[in-house]
PDB file of N, CA and C in Angstrom:
ATOM      1  N   MET A   1      11.259  11.571  20.948  1.00  0.00           N
ATOM      2  CA  MET A   1      10.383  12.712  20.973  1.00  0.00           C
ATOM      3  C   MET A   1      11.163  13.975  20.641  1.00  0.00           C
ATOM      4  N   LYS A   2      12.395  14.053  21.125  1.00  0.00           N
ATOM      5  CA  LYS A   2      13.230  15.218  20.847  1.00  0.00           C
ATOM      6  C   LYS A   2      13.485  15.333  19.349  1.00  0.00           C
ATOM      7  N   LYS A   3      13.686  14.198  18.694  1.00  0.00           N
ATOM      8  CA  LYS A   3      13.893  14.192  17.245  1.00  0.00           C
ATOM      9  C   LYS A   3      12.679  14.748  16.522  1.00  0.00           C
ATOM     10  N   LEU A   4      11.506  14.410  17.011  1.00  0.00           N
ATOM     11  CA  LEU A   4      10.269  14.892  16.390  1.00  0.00           C
ATOM     12  C   LEU A   4      10.203  16.412  16.452  1.00  0.00           C
ATOM     13  N   PHE A   5      10.492  16.984  17.610  1.00  0.00           N
ATOM     14  CA  PHE A   5      10.429  18.431  17.747  1.00  0.00           C
ATOM     15  C   PHE A   5      11.462  19.122  16.872  1.00  0.00           C
ATOM     16  N   ILE A   6      12.641  18.548  16.769  1.00  0.00           N
ATOM     17  CA  ILE A   6      13.673  19.116  15.894  1.00  0.00           C
ATOM     18  C   ILE A   6      13.206  19.050  14.448  1.00  0.00           C
ATOM     19  N   LEU A   7      12.662  17.921  14.061  1.00  0.00           N
ATOM     20  CA  LEU A   7      12.179  17.756  12.696  1.00  0.00           C
ATOM     21  C   LEU A   7      11.038  18.715  12.390  1.00  0.00           C
ATOM     22  N   LEU A   8      10.111  18.851  13.316  1.00  0.00           N
ATOM     23  CA  LEU A   8       8.998  19.766  13.101  1.00  0.00           C
ATOM     24  C   LEU A   8       9.472  21.213  13.025  1.00  0.00           C
ATOM     25  N   ALA A   9      10.471  21.564  13.816  1.00  0.00           N
ATOM     26  CA  ALA A   9      11.019  22.923  13.765  1.00  0.00           C
ATOM     27  C   ALA A   9      11.680  23.178  12.415  1.00  0.00           C
ATOM     28  N   LEU A  10      12.430  22.205  11.921  1.00  0.00           N
ATOM     29  CA  LEU A  10      13.064  22.359  10.611  1.00  0.00           C
ATOM     30  C   LEU A  10      12.024  22.446   9.511  1.00  0.00           C
ATOM     31  N   THR A  11      10.999  21.630   9.615  1.00  0.00           N
ATOM     32  CA  THR A  11       9.931  21.660   8.619  1.00  0.00           C
ATOM     33  C   THR A  11       9.243  23.020   8.612  1.00  0.00           C
ATOM     34  N   ALA A  12       8.975  23.541   9.781  1.00  0.00           N
ATOM     35  CA  ALA A  12       8.332  24.853   9.869  1.00  0.00           C
ATOM     36  C   ALA A  12       9.214  25.948   9.272  1.00  0.00           C
ATOM     37  N   ALA A  13      10.524  25.813   9.438  1.00  0.00           N
ATOM     38  CA  ALA A  13      11.445  26.813   8.897  1.00  0.00           C
ATOM     39  C   ALA A  13      11.398  26.845   7.372  1.00  0.00           C
ATOM     40  N   PHE A  14      11.105  25.722   6.771  1.00  0.00           N
ATOM     41  CA  PHE A  14      11.061  25.645   5.315  1.00  0.00           C
ATOM     42  C   PHE A  14       9.644  25.795   4.756  1.00  0.00           C
ATOM     43  N   THR A  15       8.692  26.097   5.615  1.00  0.00           N
ATOM     44  CA  THR A  15       7.299  26.209   5.184  1.00  0.00           C
ATOM     45  C   THR A  15       7.126  27.235   4.086  1.00  0.00           C
ATOM     46  N   GLN A  16       7.698  28.402   4.247  1.00  0.00           N
ATOM     47  CA  GLN A  16       7.549  29.445   3.235  1.00  0.00           C
ATOM     48  C   GLN A  16       8.154  29.016   1.908  1.00  0.00           C
ATOM     49  N   ALA A  17       9.299  28.380   1.946  1.00  0.00           N
ATOM     50  CA  ALA A  17       9.947  27.933   0.710  1.00  0.00           C
ATOM     51  C   ALA A  17       9.124  26.862   0.010  1.00  0.00           C
ATOM     52  N   ASN A  18       8.401  26.083   0.778  1.00  0.00           N
ATOM     53  CA  ASN A  18       7.624  24.983   0.217  1.00  0.00           C
ATOM     54  C   ASN A  18       6.181  25.355  -0.099  1.00  0.00           C
ATOM     55  N   ALA A  19       5.789  26.589   0.172  1.00  0.00           N
ATOM     56  CA  ALA A  19       4.391  26.992   0.013  1.00  0.00           C
ATOM     57  C   ALA A  19       3.885  26.783  -1.409  1.00  0.00           C
ATOM     58  N   ALA A  20       4.748  26.910  -2.397  1.00  0.00           N
ATOM     59  CA  ALA A  20       4.322  26.760  -3.785  1.00  0.00           C
ATOM     60  C   ALA A  20       4.302  25.302  -4.245  1.00  0.00           C
ATOM     61  N   LYS A  21       4.770  24.384  -3.419  1.00  0.00           N
ATOM     62  CA  LYS A  21       4.828  22.974  -3.795  1.00  0.00           C
ATOM     63  C   LYS A  21       3.445  22.341  -3.845  1.00  0.00           C
ATOM     64  N   ASN A  22       3.359  21.269  -4.591  1.00  0.00           N
ATOM     65  CA  ASN A  22       2.171  20.439  -4.636  1.00  0.00           C
ATOM     66  C   ASN A  22       2.000  19.782  -3.267  1.00  0.00           C
ATOM     67  N   CYS A  23       0.782  19.768  -2.756  1.00  0.00           N
ATOM     68  CA  CYS A  23       0.534  19.248  -1.410  1.00  0.00           C
ATOM     69  C   CYS A  23       0.901  17.769  -1.246  1.00  0.00           C
ATOM     70  N   ALA A  24       0.534  16.953  -2.206  1.00  0.00           N
ATOM     71  CA  ALA A  24       0.836  15.519  -2.102  1.00  0.00           C
ATOM     72  C   ALA A  24       2.341  15.277  -2.077  1.00  0.00           C
ATOM     73  N   GLU A  25       3.072  16.028  -2.887  1.00  0.00           N
ATOM     74  CA  GLU A  25       4.530  15.892  -2.930  1.00  0.00           C
ATOM     75  C   GLU A  25       5.151  16.299  -1.590  1.00  0.00           C
ATOM     76  N   LEU A  26       4.716  17.436  -1.052  1.00  0.00           N
ATOM     77  CA  LEU A  26       5.262  17.904   0.216  1.00  0.00           C
ATOM     78  C   LEU A  26       4.891  16.966   1.357  1.00  0.00           C
ATOM     79  N   LYS A  27       3.672  16.466   1.349  1.00  0.00           N
ATOM     80  CA  LYS A  27       3.237  15.521   2.381  1.00  0.00           C
ATOM     81  C   LYS A  27       4.126  14.276   2.365  1.00  0.00           C
ATOM     82  N   SER A  28       4.451  13.786   1.182  1.00  0.00           N
ATOM     83  CA  SER A  28       5.327  12.615   1.055  1.00  0.00           C
ATOM     84  C   SER A  28       6.726  12.912   1.585  1.00  0.00           C
ATOM     85  N   GLU A  29       7.245  14.096   1.281  1.00  0.00           N
ATOM     86  CA  GLU A  29       8.577  14.481   1.762  1.00  0.00           C
ATOM     87  C   GLU A  29       8.604  14.561   3.290  1.00  0.00           C
ATOM     88  N   ILE A  30       7.565  15.127   3.875  1.00  0.00           N
ATOM     89  CA  ILE A  30       7.502  15.226   5.335  1.00  0.00           C
ATOM     90  C   ILE A  30       7.404  13.837   5.955  1.00  0.00           C
ATOM     91  N   ALA A  31       6.604  12.953   5.355  1.00  0.00           N
ATOM     92  CA  ALA A  31       6.462  11.584   5.863  1.00  0.00           C
ATOM     93  C   ALA A  31       7.803  10.848   5.832  1.00  0.00           C
ATOM     94  N   VAL A  32       8.570  11.042   4.778  1.00  0.00           N
ATOM     95  CA  VAL A  32       9.887  10.401   4.682  1.00  0.00           C
ATOM     96  C   VAL A  32      10.787  10.888   5.816  1.00  0.00           C
ATOM     97  N   LYS A  33      10.755  12.188   6.090  1.00  0.00           N
ATOM     98  CA  LYS A  33      11.585  12.748   7.165  1.00  0.00           C
ATOM     99  C   LYS A  33      11.148  12.225   8.532  1.00  0.00           C
ATOM    100  N   LEU A  34       9.844  12.147   8.756  1.00  0.00           N
ATOM    101  CA  LEU A  34       9.358  11.621  10.031  1.00  0.00           C
ATOM    102  C   LEU A  34       9.741  10.155  10.203  1.00  0.00           C
ATOM    103  N   ASP A  35       9.582   9.372   9.148  1.00  0.00           N
ATOM    104  CA  ASP A  35       9.948   7.955   9.204  1.00  0.00           C
ATOM    105  C   ASP A  35      11.441   7.790   9.460  1.00  0.00           C
ATOM    106  N   ALA A  36      12.266   8.605   8.815  1.00  0.00           N
ATOM    107  CA  ALA A  36      13.714   8.529   8.994  1.00  0.00           C
ATOM    108  C   ALA A  36      14.115   8.898  10.420  1.00  0.00           C
ATOM    109  N   ALA A  37      13.335   9.767  11.053  1.00  0.00           N
ATOM    110  CA  ALA A  37      13.613  10.166  12.435  1.00  0.00           C
ATOM    111  C   ALA A  37      13.079   9.145  13.435  1.00  0.00           C
ATOM    112  N   GLY A  38      12.434   8.093  12.943  1.00  0.00           N
ATOM    113  CA  GLY A  38      11.928   7.046  13.813  1.00  0.00           C
ATOM    114  C   GLY A  38      10.571   7.346  14.419  1.00  0.00           C
ATOM    115  N   VAL A  39       9.872   8.324  13.884  1.00  0.00           N
ATOM    116  CA  VAL A  39       8.547   8.665  14.402  1.00  0.00           C
ATOM    117  C   VAL A  39       7.554   7.607  13.934  1.00  0.00           C
ATOM    118  N   LYS A  40       6.767   7.108  14.858  1.00  0.00           N
ATOM    119  CA  LYS A  40       5.789   6.070  14.552  1.00  0.00           C
ATOM    120  C   LYS A  40       4.392   6.572  14.902  1.00  0.00           C
ATOM    121  N   ALA A  41       3.388   5.991  14.327  1.00  0.00           N
ATOM    122  CA  ALA A  41       1.977   6.230  14.653  1.00  0.00           C
ATOM    123  C   ALA A  41       1.602   7.708  14.573  1.00  0.00           C
ATOM    124  N   TYR A  42       1.544   8.214  13.364  1.00  0.00           N
ATOM    125  CA  TYR A  42       1.146   9.599  13.139  1.00  0.00           C
ATOM    126  C   TYR A  42       0.304   9.679  11.876  1.00  0.00           C
ATOM    127  N   THR A  43      -0.384  10.800  11.713  1.00  0.00           N
ATOM    128  CA  THR A  43      -1.091  11.065  10.468  1.00  0.00           C
ATOM    129  C   THR A  43      -0.745  12.474  10.005  1.00  0.00           C
ATOM    130  N   LEU A  44      -0.675  12.615   8.704  1.00  0.00           N
ATOM    131  CA  LEU A  44      -0.496  13.911   8.078  1.00  0.00           C
ATOM    132  C   LEU A  44      -1.744  14.167   7.247  1.00  0.00           C
ATOM    133  N   ASP A  45      -2.350  15.325   7.442  1.00  0.00           N
ATOM    134  CA  ASP A  45      -3.564  15.661   6.708  1.00  0.00           C
ATOM    135  C   ASP A  45      -3.375  16.974   5.955  1.00  0.00           C
ATOM    136  N   ILE A  46      -3.929  17.040   4.762  1.00  0.00           N
ATOM    137  CA  ILE A  46      -3.922  18.268   3.971  1.00  0.00           C
ATOM    138  C   ILE A  46      -5.269  18.942   4.195  1.00  0.00           C
ATOM    139  N   VAL A  47      -5.237  20.171   4.710  1.00  0.00           N
ATOM    140  CA  VAL A  47      -6.471  20.892   5.020  1.00  0.00           C
ATOM    141  C   VAL A  47      -6.393  22.318   4.491  1.00  0.00           C
ATOM    142  N   ALA A  48      -7.553  22.921   4.297  1.00  0.00           N
ATOM    143  CA  ALA A  48      -7.611  24.339   3.919  1.00  0.00           C
ATOM    144  C   ALA A  48      -7.080  25.168   5.084  1.00  0.00           C
ATOM    145  N   ASN A  49      -6.536  26.333   4.779  1.00  0.00           N
ATOM    146  CA  ASN A  49      -5.965  27.187   5.823  1.00  0.00           C
ATOM    147  C   ASN A  49      -6.907  27.403   6.992  1.00  0.00           C
ATOM    148  N   ASP A  50      -8.170  27.664   6.707  1.00  0.00           N
ATOM    149  CA  ASP A  50      -9.122  27.964   7.772  1.00  0.00           C
ATOM    150  C   ASP A  50      -9.589  26.731   8.535  1.00  0.00           C
ATOM    151  N   LYS A  51      -9.174  25.550   8.114  1.00  0.00           N
ATOM    152  CA  LYS A  51      -9.570  24.312   8.783  1.00  0.00           C
ATOM    153  C   LYS A  51      -8.456  23.724   9.646  1.00  0.00           C
ATOM    154  N   ALA A  52      -7.300  24.376   9.716  1.00  0.00           N
ATOM    155  CA  ALA A  52      -6.171  23.853  10.484  1.00  0.00           C
ATOM    156  C   ALA A  52      -6.444  23.880  11.985  1.00  0.00           C
ATOM    157  N   GLY A  53      -7.200  24.864  12.445  1.00  0.00           N
ATOM    158  CA  GLY A  53      -7.549  24.943  13.866  1.00  0.00           C
ATOM    159  C   GLY A  53      -6.317  24.962  14.751  1.00  0.00           C
ATOM    160  N   ASN A  54      -6.347  24.149  15.804  1.00  0.00           N
ATOM    161  CA  ASN A  54      -5.234  24.074  16.752  1.00  0.00           C
ATOM    162  C   ASN A  54      -4.251  22.967  16.426  1.00  0.00           C
ATOM    163  N   ALA A  55      -4.411  22.344  15.280  1.00  0.00           N
ATOM    164  CA  ALA A  55      -3.530  21.236  14.889  1.00  0.00           C
ATOM    165  C   ALA A  55      -2.105  21.743  14.669  1.00  0.00           C
ATOM    166  N   LYS A  56      -1.149  20.858  14.812  1.00  0.00           N
ATOM    167  CA  LYS A  56       0.263  21.178  14.591  1.00  0.00           C
ATOM    168  C   LYS A  56       0.492  21.264  13.087  1.00  0.00           C
ATOM    169  N   VAL A  57       0.773  22.455  12.581  1.00  0.00           N
ATOM    170  CA  VAL A  57       1.014  22.654  11.149  1.00  0.00           C
ATOM    171  C   VAL A  57       2.488  22.400  10.870  1.00  0.00           C
ATOM    172  N   VAL A  58       2.758  21.482   9.922  1.00  0.00           N
ATOM    173  CA  VAL A  58       4.140  21.131   9.588  1.00  0.00           C
ATOM    174  C   VAL A  58       4.503  21.493   8.154  1.00  0.00           C
ATOM    175  N   GLY A  59       3.561  22.085   7.424  1.00  0.00           N
ATOM    176  CA  GLY A  59       3.860  22.484   6.055  1.00  0.00           C
ATOM    177  C   GLY A  59       2.746  23.320   5.466  1.00  0.00           C
ATOM    178  N   SER A  60       3.102  24.061   4.431  1.00  0.00           N
ATOM    179  CA  SER A  60       2.151  24.876   3.696  1.00  0.00           C
ATOM    180  C   SER A  60       2.381  24.597   2.217  1.00  0.00           C
ATOM    181  N   CYS A  61       1.296  24.508   1.448  1.00  0.00           N
ATOM    182  CA  CYS A  61       1.439  24.134   0.046  1.00  0.00           C
ATOM    183  C   CYS A  61       0.371  24.793  -0.812  1.00  0.00           C
ATOM    184  N   ASP A  62       0.413  24.502  -2.102  1.00  0.00           N
ATOM    185  CA  ASP A  62      -0.515  25.077  -3.077  1.00  0.00           C
ATOM    186  C   ASP A  62      -0.581  26.593  -2.940  1.00  0.00           C
ATOM    187  N   SER A  63       0.586  27.196  -3.044  1.00  0.00           N
ATOM    188  CA  SER A  63       0.732  28.658  -2.963  1.00  0.00           C
ATOM    189  C   SER A  63       0.189  29.224  -1.656  1.00  0.00           C
ATOM    190  N   GLY A  64       0.316  28.455  -0.582  1.00  0.00           N
ATOM    191  CA  GLY A  64      -0.104  28.912   0.742  1.00  0.00           C
ATOM    192  C   GLY A  64      -1.580  28.777   1.024  1.00  0.00           C
ATOM    193  N   SER A  65      -2.337  28.144   0.127  1.00  0.00           N
ATOM    194  CA  SER A  65      -3.781  28.017   0.345  1.00  0.00           C
ATOM    195  C   SER A  65      -4.157  26.832   1.223  1.00  0.00           C
ATOM    196  N   LYS A  66      -3.220  25.897   1.431  1.00  0.00           N
ATOM    197  CA  LYS A  66      -3.490  24.714   2.247  1.00  0.00           C
ATOM    198  C   LYS A  66      -2.355  24.489   3.231  1.00  0.00           C
ATOM    199  N   LYS A  67      -2.660  23.753   4.290  1.00  0.00           N
ATOM    200  CA  LYS A  67      -1.688  23.403   5.324  1.00  0.00           C
ATOM    201  C   LYS A  67      -1.623  21.895   5.451  1.00  0.00           C
ATOM    202  N   ILE A  68      -0.469  21.417   5.885  1.00  0.00           N
ATOM    203  CA  ILE A  68      -0.310  20.003   6.205  1.00  0.00           C
ATOM    204  C   ILE A  68      -0.193  19.932   7.729  1.00  0.00           C
ATOM    205  N   THR A  69      -1.079  19.164   8.345  1.00  0.00           N
ATOM    206  CA  THR A  69      -1.091  19.064   9.785  1.00  0.00           C
ATOM    207  C   THR A  69      -0.606  17.688  10.241  1.00  0.00           C
ATOM    208  N   TYR A  70       0.014  17.671  11.416  1.00  0.00           N
ATOM    209  CA  TYR A  70       0.554  16.467  12.024  1.00  0.00           C
ATOM    210  C   TYR A  70      -0.281  16.119  13.253  1.00  0.00           C
ATOM    211  N   THR A  71      -0.661  14.842  13.350  1.00  0.00           N
ATOM    212  CA  THR A  71      -1.364  14.351  14.528  1.00  0.00           C
ATOM    213  C   THR A  71      -0.713  13.053  14.949  1.00  0.00           C
ATOM    214  N   LYS A  72      -0.363  12.960  16.237  1.00  0.00           N
ATOM    215  CA  LYS A  72       0.209  11.719  16.763  1.00  0.00           C
ATOM    216  C   LYS A  72      -0.929  10.792  17.142  1.00  0.00           C
ATOM    217  N   LYS A  73      -0.838   9.555  16.680  1.00  0.00           N
ATOM    218  CA  LYS A  73      -1.844   8.545  17.026  1.00  0.00           C
ATOM    219  C   LYS A  73      -1.475   7.942  18.378  1.00  0.00           C
ATOM    220  N   ASN A  74      -2.467   7.586  19.141  1.00  0.00           N
ATOM    221  CA  ASN A  74      -2.216   6.946  20.444  1.00  0.00           C
ATOM    222  C   ASN A  74      -2.216   5.466  20.327  1.00  0.00           C
TER     223      ASN A  74
END
């Protein structure tokens, strides 16, 4: 769990740099990092900025118009 929080913090730090990236590409990169950290049972969703709600945002893409959200599956 500690690895997840570290990974999410690092991902958030690079959000601005990745804002111009293609959403599918960034989502794949985040998934690779989560898998490498041993995180299991999660979903990453690409949503419009106004649809992120209270979800954990782990990335921003398409020039900042969309967010990538992380949800842990039970």
